[in-house]
Amino acid sequence: MKRNARIVAVNFVVAAALAAGGCAKKDTRAAGKETVPVTVGTAARQDVPVEVRAIGHVEPYSTVALKARVAGEVTRVGFKDGQNVKKGDVLFQIDPRPYEATLAQARAQLERDRAVAKNNEEDSKRYADLVQKDYVTKEQYEGTRSNAAASLATVKADEAALENARLQLVYCTVTAPISARAGSVLVYPGNQVKGNDDKPLVVLNQVKPVYVTFSVPESSLAAIRQHARPGEKLLVTATASGSAGVVPAAQTGELTFLDNAVDMTTGTIVLKATFGNENEVLWPGEYVDVLLTLATEPGAVVVPSQAVQTGQAGQYVYIVKSDLTVESRPVKVSRTYGKMTIVSAGVAPGERIVTDGQLRLAPGTKVEIKETEGKPS
């Protein structure tokens, strides 16, 4: 009886083991047929710009620190803080009365010396006749000639002094040398100013047009020089940082300056672009996103950037074949452009590529397409 019980127990264990093995094989077969949901995109051929991106800052086209050329009391300020001024507008008035008096004195001095010079010239002419008749000595004649020449030199000096006095009076009226936006008023009426003092009366910044200065790595220098040929304009766009809820508009300008040397400490080179800035979106001192367009690469093969994976052997993508199985294919990436990646080898236009769900994939895996993204644009 005991022996029969043992035989029954052994048979039960063997049957249980066989049943478990059968279930495992069944589960394995089921796992092999499992489909993985994925999102796919399509490789496309299109023209892609060749661009250089950088961070830049806005600089005024010109800056003038307006200073007084003559000393005196400021009697009037003709603008307000931050006002737009035009070339020739009166900005400051310095008390002109002392300079008007100096001008009148210089004018009177000139008239007197002109009269003296005229008299000496007539004396010289009379003595020229008398010396020929031996009525006066030659020394007396030479004396009258010297007096006439000295008087003429004095008149010229008086004319210069008169012009200087007139110029000093003009300097009492301080006008805008350029059309620009004024800063804060630094000297108010009632204050005394010194001629050619280091302290400015106001600082003017020309904001139409403006410069955008930015630096790029020296590795981009060769491409920039290749495309920045004489007579050709390179397009530059600048986007200012917008405030909350405001989408800043990109401003368009052109590259106008390439520095003559690479900065050895940073390995970068400085460039400048000029923007018309008629709407005054770009403001001196602010930082902007800069995009320099060098050329357009025609007929490039592009794929969504999220489709490109990196493994031990390099970069690759999963291609969805016609039977809805996937193939792992190595690719050669040229560069990125926005949300697209330019592929120079490994993918053909029109092929479907997995863009999401790659973690559960292996070569030969069956997939179920849950969503199809449009072609890269």
Foldseek 3Di string as FASTA:
>chain_A
DVVVVVVVVVVVVVVVVVVVVVVVVVVVVVVQQDAAEFEKEFKAWFKAFDKFKFKWFWAFPDKDQAAFQAWAFWADADDAAFAWDAFFAFGTAGPLVVLVVQLVVLVVQLVVLVVQLVVLVVVLVVVVVCVVVVNDDPVVSVVSVVSNVVSVVSNVVSVVSNVVSVVSSVSSGGGHRHGFTKHHQPDHGPDIHHRPDPHGRTMGGHVQKIKIKTKGAPVCVVLQVVQPDPPDWWKKWKFFDDDPPDGTDIFIWTWDDWDPDADPVVRITMTMTMGRCPVVPRDGPGMIMMMITRGMGGTFIKDFPLQWDADPVGIWWWWQDPQQFTDTWHWAWDQADDRITTTPDTDDGGTMTTRDRCVPHDGGHHYDHPYYDYHDD
